[in-house]
Amino acid sequence: SDEKLDLNDSKWEDIHVITGALKMFFRELPEPLFTYNHFNDFVNAIKQEPRQRVPAVKDLIKQLPKPNQDTMQVLFRHLKRVVENGEKNRMTYQSIAIVFGPTLLKPEKETGNIAVHTVYQNQIVELILLELNSVFGR
């Protein structure tokens, strides 16, 4: 909403509230940030040989709608900063991927093994975080 928030208000001190709201925002989008029609393409990209993964994922991101690309870039740059403060918050690339993978990237209809999908969702998010500059440039 257009409501102005005072992030200095004590109700926002618990980081889990803000993180939960961010995850809920992405979870409740009509379509995930990584659109439904590209889900299998991203999964196939992460299954490729390691040196082919980054170019494949980068190419797929370029195929997404521009607002998705822009949002993705801002979100992943923020999540990278979270990981860079891992000494304080205990968040790693893997933990961020586990938390955000299934929220940002999911099939339109769950078929087959959900656990397998989860592994790929996490790997894709982790790859983008690890290779942020290669994927989005500086």
Protein backbone atom coordinates (compact mmCIF):
# COMPACT_ATOMS: atom_id res chain seq x y z
CA SER A 1 0.00 0.00 0.00
CA ASP A 2 0.97 3.64 -0.20
CA GLU A 3 1.19 3.91 3.58
CA LYS A 4 4.40 5.49 4.89
CA LEU A 5 6.29 3.21 7.26
CA ASP A 6 8.59 4.29 10.04
CA LEU A 7 11.19 1.52 10.06
CA ASN A 8 12.58 2.98 13.30
CA ASP A 9 9.35 1.97 15.05
CA SER A 10 10.09 -0.80 17.56
CA LYS A 11 7.59 -3.16 15.90
CA TRP A 12 10.07 -3.55 13.04
CA GLU A 13 13.04 -4.51 15.24
CA ASP A 14 12.47 -8.23 14.76
CA ILE A 15 14.11 -8.98 11.41
CA HIS A 16 11.93 -12.07 11.06
CA VAL A 17 8.88 -9.82 10.66
CA ILE A 18 10.44 -7.97 7.73
CA THR A 19 11.83 -11.14 6.16
CA GLY A 20 8.48 -12.87 6.56
CA ALA A 21 6.72 -9.95 4.87
CA LEU A 22 9.22 -10.02 1.99
CA LYS A 23 8.77 -13.77 1.49
CA MET A 24 4.98 -13.41 1.71
CA PHE A 25 5.04 -10.66 -0.93
CA PHE A 26 6.86 -12.92 -3.38
CA ARG A 27 4.85 -16.01 -2.45
CA GLU A 28 1.54 -14.22 -3.07
CA LEU A 29 2.41 -12.81 -6.49
CA PRO A 30 0.05 -14.18 -9.16
CA GLU A 31 3.12 -15.68 -10.83
CA PRO A 32 6.57 -16.28 -9.30
CA LEU A 33 9.45 -13.94 -10.05
CA PHE A 34 10.95 -16.72 -12.20
CA THR A 35 7.82 -17.17 -14.32
CA TYR A 36 5.99 -20.49 -14.57
CA ASN A 37 6.74 -20.94 -18.25
CA HIS A 38 10.50 -20.78 -17.55
CA PHE A 39 10.58 -23.16 -14.58
CA ASN A 40 11.72 -26.22 -16.55
CA ASP A 41 14.22 -24.11 -18.50
CA PHE A 42 15.88 -22.95 -15.27
CA VAL A 43 15.92 -26.51 -13.95
CA ASN A 44 17.53 -27.72 -17.19
CA ALA A 45 20.08 -24.88 -16.98
CA ILE A 46 21.20 -25.90 -13.49
CA LYS A 47 21.55 -29.53 -14.64
CA GLN A 48 24.14 -28.53 -17.28
CA GLU A 49 27.89 -28.83 -16.93
CA PRO A 50 29.12 -26.36 -14.28
CA ARG A 51 30.73 -23.89 -16.68
CA GLN A 52 27.59 -23.75 -18.83
CA ARG A 53 25.22 -22.97 -15.93
CA VAL A 54 25.93 -19.25 -15.51
CA PRO A 55 25.56 -18.35 -19.19
CA ALA A 56 22.39 -20.46 -19.42
CA VAL A 57 20.81 -18.87 -16.34
CA LYS A 58 21.87 -15.39 -17.46
CA ASP A 59 20.26 -15.97 -20.86
CA LEU A 60 17.03 -17.19 -19.26
CA ILE A 61 16.84 -14.18 -16.95
CA LYS A 62 17.11 -11.94 -20.02
CA GLN A 63 14.01 -13.70 -21.40
CA LEU A 64 11.92 -12.77 -18.36
CA PRO A 65 9.74 -9.65 -18.40
CA LYS A 66 11.76 -6.49 -17.66
CA PRO A 67 10.03 -5.80 -14.30
CA ASN A 68 10.94 -9.35 -13.19
CA GLN A 69 14.56 -8.83 -14.24
CA ASP A 70 14.78 -5.49 -12.42
CA THR A 71 13.15 -6.85 -9.26
CA MET A 72 15.35 -9.91 -9.36
CA GLN A 73 18.50 -7.82 -9.64
CA VAL A 74 17.57 -5.62 -6.66
CA LEU A 75 16.46 -8.60 -4.56
CA PHE A 76 19.56 -10.69 -5.28
CA ARG A 77 21.90 -7.76 -4.62
CA HIS A 78 20.16 -7.30 -1.27
CA LEU A 79 20.34 -11.02 -0.45
CA LYS A 80 24.05 -11.00 -1.33
CA ARG A 81 24.54 -8.20 1.24
CA VAL A 82 22.71 -10.34 3.79
CA VAL A 83 25.15 -13.21 3.13
CA GLU A 84 28.11 -10.82 3.34
CA ASN A 85 26.97 -10.07 6.91
CA GLY A 86 26.82 -13.78 7.72
CA GLU A 87 29.08 -13.40 10.77
CA LYS A 88 26.30 -11.39 12.43
CA ASN A 89 23.17 -13.04 11.01
CA ARG A 90 24.45 -16.60 10.38
CA MET A 91 22.98 -16.59 6.86
CA THR A 92 24.93 -18.39 4.16
CA TYR A 93 24.38 -18.74 0.43
CA GLN A 94 22.78 -22.10 1.08
CA SER A 95 20.47 -20.86 3.83
CA ILE A 96 19.26 -17.94 1.71
CA ALA A 97 18.68 -20.35 -1.18
CA ILE A 98 16.68 -22.69 1.06
CA VAL A 99 14.55 -19.82 2.36
CA PHE A 100 13.91 -18.08 -0.99
CA GLY A 101 14.29 -20.81 -3.67
CA PRO A 102 10.79 -22.33 -3.41
CA THR A 103 9.22 -18.86 -3.08
CA LEU A 104 10.83 -17.34 -6.17
CA LEU A 105 10.84 -20.34 -8.49
CA LYS A 106 8.14 -22.99 -8.66
CA PRO A 107 6.24 -25.02 -11.22
CA GLU A 108 2.68 -24.01 -12.02
CA LYS A 109 1.46 -27.45 -10.96
CA GLU A 110 3.37 -29.66 -8.57
CA THR A 111 4.08 -32.91 -10.36
CA GLY A 112 6.51 -35.61 -9.51
CA ASN A 113 8.95 -35.32 -6.68
CA ILE A 114 8.68 -32.05 -4.75
CA ALA A 115 11.99 -32.78 -2.99
CA VAL A 116 13.79 -32.91 -6.35
CA HIS A 117 12.24 -29.57 -7.37
CA THR A 118 13.34 -28.07 -4.08
CA VAL A 119 16.95 -29.11 -4.68
CA TYR A 120 16.96 -27.42 -8.09
CA GLN A 121 15.17 -24.31 -6.81
CA ASN A 122 17.81 -23.92 -4.13
CA GLN A 123 20.69 -24.56 -6.51
CA ILE A 124 19.44 -21.93 -8.96
CA VAL A 125 19.09 -19.25 -6.27
CA GLU A 126 22.48 -20.15 -4.80
CA LEU A 127 24.15 -20.01 -8.23
CA ILE A 128 22.73 -16.53 -8.91
CA LEU A 129 23.92 -15.31 -5.51
CA LEU A 130 27.39 -16.77 -5.98
CA GLU A 131 27.69 -15.45 -9.54
CA LEU A 132 25.78 -12.19 -9.08
CA ASN A 133 28.18 -9.98 -11.03
CA SER A 134 28.44 -12.47 -13.89
CA VAL A 135 24.66 -12.79 -14.08
CA PHE A 136 23.68 -9.12 -13.71
CA GLY A 137 26.91 -7.26 -14.41
CA ARG A 138 28.24 -4.56 -12.13
